[in-house]
Amino acid sequence: MAEGALPATLGPLLRHVRRALEEAGVTDAALDARLIVEHAAGASRTDLVTDPGRPIGHAQGEAARAMLARRLAGEPVHRILGSREFYGLRLALSAGTLEPRPDTEALVEAALPFARRAADRHGACRILDLGTGTGAVALALLAQEPRAQAVASDISPDALATAAANADMTGVAPRFTAVRSDWFGGIEGRFHLIVSNPPYIASSEIALLAKEVREHDPRAALDGGADGLDAYRAIAAGAPAHLETDGVVAVEIGIGQEADVEALFATQGFGLASTARDLGDVLRALVFAR
């Protein structure tokens, strides 16, 4: 952000930040500008509309300047804010976590009916979330189904600490357990529902991802191996030993991966039970039953 005096009131500051982002070619410049100014100025969306003449203090202006500079350098706006909303929950982010995105809400939508069905049948639903990251999927399911309990696994200690903190913030910590595990390596017991948003980008395609993703999401949460399917092989192979008789597995997939993933699960005796599409009408989640 250029040095010099900043606008001293809320509305002009918003326009200043938006213009800087637009001139830099930032996608969703208007949204990013609003989020930056709201955060820096301690303002609400309503304030931006109804009180554009509200004075901006020096510290608030400098906070906006610093945040804008980070965004112009390619850092995603939610990384700058330190949190992101997912399925109605405000979740903290950290260096070891994938930033949860709206597409993954399709996985929650696909899994939730099965969680409720298990709770109706058994009085409870035991969920295993593999590669939990921020805890987004498990926490969304726990928030929607109060009879559910979740074990959330990840190989990253940073991710597990973030997920546990998010469980505290969302009020479901008594029903949430974080476990360090490489897929099923450290998991004991059986579950009614196994969910995962695994890494599914082919290794050769990582370099082609947007800078915001490539440089700020952890590679371990993106890289699915040579064909992008390594995680699905591990999940399909390990799931039978960790599922209750009537349990299901729900996974997020990349664009066009449905046939390959369905074939991998079929080799372990699973059939497709349900699917869900994201807001862009892309097939995004598959549910398997034996």
Protein backbone atom coordinates (compact mmCIF):
# COMPACT_ATOMS: atom_id res chain seq x y z
CA MET A 1 0.00 0.00 0.00
CA ALA A 2 1.35 3.39 -0.92
CA GLU A 3 2.68 5.57 1.86
CA GLY A 4 0.83 8.75 2.72
CA ALA A 5 -2.29 9.90 4.47
CA LEU A 6 -5.23 7.54 4.58
CA PRO A 7 -8.86 8.61 4.40
CA ALA A 8 -9.96 9.60 7.89
CA THR A 9 -13.49 8.24 7.75
CA LEU A 10 -15.03 4.83 7.23
CA GLY A 11 -16.65 5.16 3.81
CA PRO A 12 -13.68 6.77 2.03
CA LEU A 13 -11.32 4.23 3.62
CA LEU A 14 -13.42 1.42 2.23
CA ARG A 15 -13.34 2.96 -1.25
CA HIS A 16 -9.58 3.52 -0.97
CA VAL A 17 -8.90 -0.12 -0.08
CA ARG A 18 -11.28 -1.43 -2.72
CA ARG A 19 -9.69 0.70 -5.43
CA ALA A 20 -6.20 -0.50 -4.50
CA LEU A 21 -7.31 -4.14 -4.72
CA GLU A 22 -9.14 -3.61 -8.01
CA GLU A 23 -6.11 -1.90 -9.56
CA ALA A 24 -4.01 -4.90 -8.53
CA GLY A 25 -6.45 -7.28 -10.21
CA VAL A 26 -7.52 -8.99 -7.00
CA THR A 27 -10.55 -11.25 -7.45
CA ASP A 28 -13.47 -10.31 -5.19
CA ALA A 29 -11.88 -6.93 -4.43
CA ALA A 30 -15.13 -5.52 -3.03
CA LEU A 31 -15.59 -8.37 -0.56
CA ASP A 32 -11.95 -8.38 0.51
CA ALA A 33 -12.00 -4.62 1.02
CA ARG A 34 -15.09 -4.84 3.19
CA LEU A 35 -13.60 -7.60 5.33
CA ILE A 36 -10.32 -5.72 5.78
CA VAL A 37 -11.99 -2.43 6.74
CA GLU A 38 -14.51 -4.08 9.06
CA HIS A 39 -11.73 -5.91 10.87
CA ALA A 40 -9.29 -3.02 11.05
CA ALA A 41 -11.88 -0.45 12.11
CA GLY A 42 -13.94 -2.71 14.37
CA ALA A 43 -16.93 -1.92 12.20
CA SER A 44 -19.93 -3.96 11.12
CA ARG A 45 -21.39 -4.28 7.65
CA THR A 46 -24.23 -2.06 8.82
CA ASP A 47 -21.76 0.60 9.95
CA LEU A 48 -20.29 0.77 6.46
CA VAL A 49 -23.71 1.58 5.04
CA THR A 50 -25.26 3.74 7.75
CA ASP A 51 -22.24 5.53 9.20
CA PRO A 52 -19.72 6.14 6.39
CA GLY A 53 -18.58 9.37 8.06
CA ARG A 54 -17.44 7.60 11.21
CA PRO A 55 -13.88 8.74 12.07
CA ILE A 56 -11.00 6.30 11.67
CA GLY A 57 -8.29 6.42 14.34
CA HIS A 58 -4.60 6.37 13.45
CA ALA A 59 -4.12 2.83 14.78
CA GLN A 60 -7.13 1.59 12.84
CA GLY A 61 -5.87 3.18 9.66
CA GLU A 62 -2.43 1.65 10.10
CA ALA A 63 -4.02 -1.73 10.72
CA ALA A 64 -5.91 -1.38 7.43
CA ARG A 65 -2.69 -0.33 5.69
CA ALA A 66 -0.83 -3.41 6.94
CA MET A 67 -3.67 -5.78 6.05
CA LEU A 68 -3.98 -4.31 2.57
CA ALA A 69 -0.25 -4.69 1.99
CA ARG A 70 -0.46 -8.37 2.91
CA ARG A 71 -3.42 -8.91 0.58
CA LEU A 72 -1.65 -7.15 -2.28
CA ALA A 73 1.30 -9.49 -1.68
CA GLY A 74 -0.97 -12.47 -2.34
CA GLU A 75 -1.95 -13.58 1.16
CA PRO A 76 -5.60 -14.71 1.27
CA VAL A 77 -7.88 -12.33 3.13
CA HIS A 78 -9.07 -14.95 5.61
CA ARG A 79 -5.48 -15.84 6.48
CA ILE A 80 -4.97 -12.16 7.24
CA LEU A 81 -8.09 -12.07 9.40
CA GLY A 82 -7.05 -15.32 11.10
CA SER A 83 -10.45 -16.96 10.79
CA ARG A 84 -13.13 -18.01 8.37
CA GLU A 85 -16.81 -18.87 8.60
CA PHE A 86 -17.82 -22.41 7.71
CA TYR A 87 -21.34 -23.81 7.96
CA GLY A 88 -22.29 -20.96 10.30
CA LEU A 89 -19.26 -21.44 12.56
CA ARG A 90 -16.37 -19.00 12.98
CA LEU A 91 -13.17 -21.07 12.80
CA ALA A 92 -9.60 -20.00 13.54
CA LEU A 93 -6.94 -20.74 10.91
CA SER A 94 -3.27 -21.58 11.36
CA ALA A 95 -0.28 -22.36 9.18
CA GLY A 96 -0.93 -26.09 9.53
CA THR A 97 -4.55 -25.99 8.39
CA LEU A 98 -6.25 -25.90 5.03
CA GLU A 99 -8.55 -22.90 4.78
CA PRO A 100 -12.08 -24.37 4.82
CA ARG A 101 -14.05 -23.35 1.76
CA PRO A 102 -17.75 -23.25 0.90
CA ASP A 103 -17.36 -26.24 -1.46
CA THR A 104 -16.67 -28.44 1.56
CA GLU A 105 -20.07 -27.61 3.03
CA ALA A 106 -21.37 -30.13 0.47
CA LEU A 107 -19.54 -32.84 2.43
CA VAL A 108 -21.37 -31.80 5.59
CA GLU A 109 -24.67 -31.84 3.71
CA ALA A 110 -23.94 -35.32 2.41
CA ALA A 111 -22.88 -36.74 5.78
CA LEU A 112 -25.42 -35.10 8.09
CA PRO A 113 -28.45 -37.30 7.23
CA PHE A 114 -26.39 -40.41 7.99
CA ALA A 115 -25.21 -38.95 11.30
CA ARG A 116 -28.80 -38.26 12.29
CA ARG A 117 -29.92 -41.71 11.16
CA ALA A 118 -27.21 -43.36 13.25
CA ALA A 119 -28.16 -41.26 16.26
CA ASP A 120 -31.81 -42.24 15.82
CA ARG A 121 -30.89 -45.94 15.66
CA HIS A 122 -28.26 -46.09 18.37
CA GLY A 123 -28.90 -43.06 20.57
CA ALA A 124 -25.53 -41.63 19.53
CA CYS A 125 -23.33 -41.25 16.46
CA ARG A 126 -19.59 -41.81 16.62
CA ILE A 127 -17.80 -39.82 13.92
CA LEU A 128 -14.20 -40.09 12.71
CA ASP A 129 -12.88 -37.10 10.77
CA LEU A 130 -9.66 -38.02 8.94
CA GLY A 131 -7.33 -35.11 8.16
CA THR A 132 -9.42 -32.72 10.21
CA GLY A 133 -7.39 -29.52 9.69
CA THR A 134 -9.38 -26.75 11.40
CA GLY A 135 -11.92 -29.35 12.51
CA ALA A 136 -14.44 -27.79 10.14
CA VAL A 137 -16.34 -30.89 9.01
CA ALA A 138 -16.45 -32.61 12.40
CA LEU A 139 -17.42 -29.42 14.22
CA ALA A 140 -20.19 -28.62 11.75
CA LEU A 141 -21.62 -32.11 12.21
CA LEU A 142 -21.41 -31.87 16.02
CA ALA A 143 -23.10 -28.46 15.95
CA GLN A 144 -25.97 -29.89 13.89
CA GLU A 145 -26.34 -33.24 15.69
CA PRO A 146 -26.11 -32.95 19.50
CA ARG A 147 -26.08 -36.73 19.95
CA ALA A 148 -22.87 -37.07 17.97
CA GLN A 149 -19.30 -37.40 19.23
CA ALA A 150 -16.23 -37.00 17.04
CA VAL A 151 -12.64 -38.17 16.94
CA ALA A 152 -10.67 -35.81 14.70
CA SER A 153 -7.29 -36.92 13.39
CA ASP A 154 -4.44 -35.17 11.63
CA ILE A 155 -0.68 -35.63 11.21
CA SER A 156 -0.04 -31.97 12.05
CA PRO A 157 0.23 -30.99 15.74
CA ASP A 158 -0.51 -27.40 14.72
CA ALA A 159 -3.72 -28.45 12.99
CA LEU A 160 -4.82 -30.52 15.99
CA ALA A 161 -4.23 -27.62 18.37
CA THR A 162 -6.22 -25.33 16.08
CA ALA A 163 -9.06 -27.84 15.78
CA ALA A 164 -9.20 -28.28 19.57
CA ALA A 165 -9.32 -24.49 20.03
CA ASN A 166 -12.12 -24.29 17.48
CA ALA A 167 -14.03 -26.98 19.35
CA ASP A 168 -13.78 -24.82 22.47
CA MET A 169 -14.94 -21.72 20.60
CA THR A 170 -17.93 -23.50 19.08
CA GLY A 171 -19.00 -25.03 22.38
CA VAL A 172 -18.68 -28.71 21.41
CA ALA A 173 -15.34 -29.53 23.07
CA PRO A 174 -16.84 -32.18 25.43
CA ARG A 175 -17.84 -34.19 22.36
CA PHE A 176 -14.64 -33.63 20.37
CA THR A 177 -11.34 -35.52 20.68
CA ALA A 178 -8.23 -34.61 18.66
CA VAL A 179 -5.84 -37.47 17.86
CA ARG A 180 -2.54 -37.39 16.01
CA SER A 181 -2.66 -40.07 13.34
CA ASP A 182 -1.54 -40.79 9.79
CA TRP A 183 -4.92 -41.85 8.44
CA PHE A 184 -5.94 -44.88 10.53
CA GLY A 185 -2.51 -45.46 12.09
CA GLY A 186 -3.42 -44.13 15.54
CA ILE A 187 -7.17 -44.79 15.48
CA GLU A 188 -8.91 -47.32 17.70
CA GLY A 189 -12.52 -48.47 17.72
CA ARG A 190 -15.37 -48.38 15.24
CA PHE A 191 -17.50 -45.51 14.02
CA HIS A 192 -20.92 -44.96 12.52
CA LEU A 193 -19.60 -42.28 10.17
CA ILE A 194 -16.13 -41.68 8.72
CA VAL A 195 -15.67 -38.34 6.94
CA SER A 196 -12.71 -36.80 5.16
CA ASN A 197 -11.76 -33.88 2.97
CA PRO A 198 -8.44 -35.41 1.93
CA PRO A 199 -5.67 -34.03 -0.29
CA TYR A 200 -6.73 -34.75 -3.88
CA ILE A 201 -4.62 -32.57 -6.16
CA ALA A 202 -2.14 -34.49 -8.33
CA SER A 203 1.44 -33.65 -7.37
CA SER A 204 2.22 -32.29 -10.82
CA GLU A 205 -0.69 -29.84 -10.60
CA ILE A 206 0.29 -28.15 -7.33
CA ALA A 207 2.42 -25.59 -9.16
CA LEU A 208 -0.60 -24.62 -11.28
CA LEU A 209 -2.79 -23.68 -8.32
CA ALA A 210 -3.58 -20.06 -7.52
CA LYS A 211 -0.84 -18.31 -5.55
CA GLU A 212 -3.19 -17.86 -2.59
CA VAL A 213 -3.61 -21.64 -2.37
CA ARG A 214 -0.16 -22.78 -3.49
CA GLU A 215 1.78 -20.56 -1.09
CA HIS A 216 -0.52 -20.46 1.93
CA ASP A 217 -2.37 -23.78 2.28
CA PRO A 218 -0.13 -26.58 3.65
CA ARG A 219 1.08 -28.83 0.85
CA ALA A 220 0.25 -31.94 2.87
CA ALA A 221 -3.42 -30.91 2.74
CA LEU A 222 -3.32 -30.48 -1.05
CA ASP A 223 -0.99 -33.11 -2.54
CA GLY A 224 -2.81 -36.35 -3.31
CA GLY A 225 0.13 -38.10 -4.95
CA ALA A 226 0.89 -38.80 -8.60
CA ASP A 227 -2.76 -39.26 -9.59
CA GLY A 228 -4.40 -37.39 -6.71
CA LEU A 229 -5.92 -40.59 -5.33
CA ASP A 230 -3.45 -41.74 -2.66
CA ALA A 231 -5.63 -40.62 0.25
CA TYR A 232 -8.70 -42.41 -1.11
CA ARG A 233 -6.72 -45.64 -1.36
CA ALA A 234 -5.73 -45.34 2.30
CA ILE A 235 -9.25 -44.45 3.44
CA ALA A 236 -10.95 -47.20 1.44
CA ALA A 237 -8.46 -49.81 2.65
CA GLY A 238 -8.68 -48.85 6.32
CA ALA A 239 -12.35 -48.03 6.64
CA PRO A 240 -13.77 -51.59 6.90
CA ALA A 241 -11.86 -52.28 10.12
CA HIS A 242 -13.14 -49.05 11.68
CA LEU A 243 -16.78 -48.97 10.59
CA GLU A 244 -19.80 -50.26 12.45
CA THR A 245 -21.90 -52.74 10.47
CA ASP A 246 -24.27 -50.04 9.24
CA GLY A 247 -21.63 -47.32 9.04
CA VAL A 248 -20.80 -45.13 6.04
CA VAL A 249 -17.81 -43.22 4.66
CA ALA A 250 -18.26 -39.72 3.22
CA VAL A 251 -15.45 -38.02 1.28
CA GLU A 252 -14.95 -34.82 -0.64
CA ILE A 253 -13.57 -35.23 -4.17
CA GLY A 254 -11.99 -33.05 -6.82
CA ILE A 255 -13.65 -32.22 -10.12
CA GLY A 256 -14.04 -35.30 -12.29
CA GLN A 257 -12.74 -37.79 -9.71
CA GLU A 258 -16.04 -39.54 -8.99
CA ALA A 259 -15.51 -42.60 -11.20
CA ASP A 260 -11.98 -43.26 -9.95
CA VAL A 261 -12.90 -42.83 -6.30
CA GLU A 262 -16.00 -44.99 -6.66
CA ALA A 263 -13.88 -47.73 -8.25
CA LEU A 264 -11.35 -47.61 -5.40
CA PHE A 265 -14.06 -48.02 -2.78
CA ALA A 266 -15.70 -50.80 -4.80
CA THR A 267 -12.53 -52.90 -4.45
CA GLN A 268 -13.13 -52.83 -0.68
CA GLY A 269 -16.78 -53.84 -0.96
CA PHE A 270 -18.33 -50.37 -0.83
CA GLY A 271 -21.17 -49.10 -2.99
CA LEU A 272 -22.24 -45.53 -3.60
CA ALA A 273 -25.04 -44.56 -1.20
CA SER A 274 -25.41 -40.82 -1.79
CA THR A 275 -23.82 -37.78 -3.42
CA ALA A 276 -23.88 -34.01 -2.97
CA ARG A 277 -23.05 -31.06 -5.21
CA ASP A 278 -21.49 -27.76 -4.21
CA LEU A 279 -22.89 -24.28 -4.89
CA GLY A 280 -21.31 -24.36 -8.35
CA ASP A 281 -23.27 -27.57 -9.15
CA VAL A 282 -20.05 -29.61 -9.12
CA LEU A 283 -20.28 -33.14 -7.74
CA ARG A 284 -18.24 -32.65 -4.58
CA ALA A 285 -19.07 -35.37 -2.02
CA LEU A 286 -19.61 -39.12 -2.18
CA VAL A 287 -21.03 -41.38 0.54
CA PHE A 288 -20.21 -45.10 0.56
CA ALA A 289 -21.81 -48.03 2.39
CA ARG A 290 -20.96 -51.74 2.48
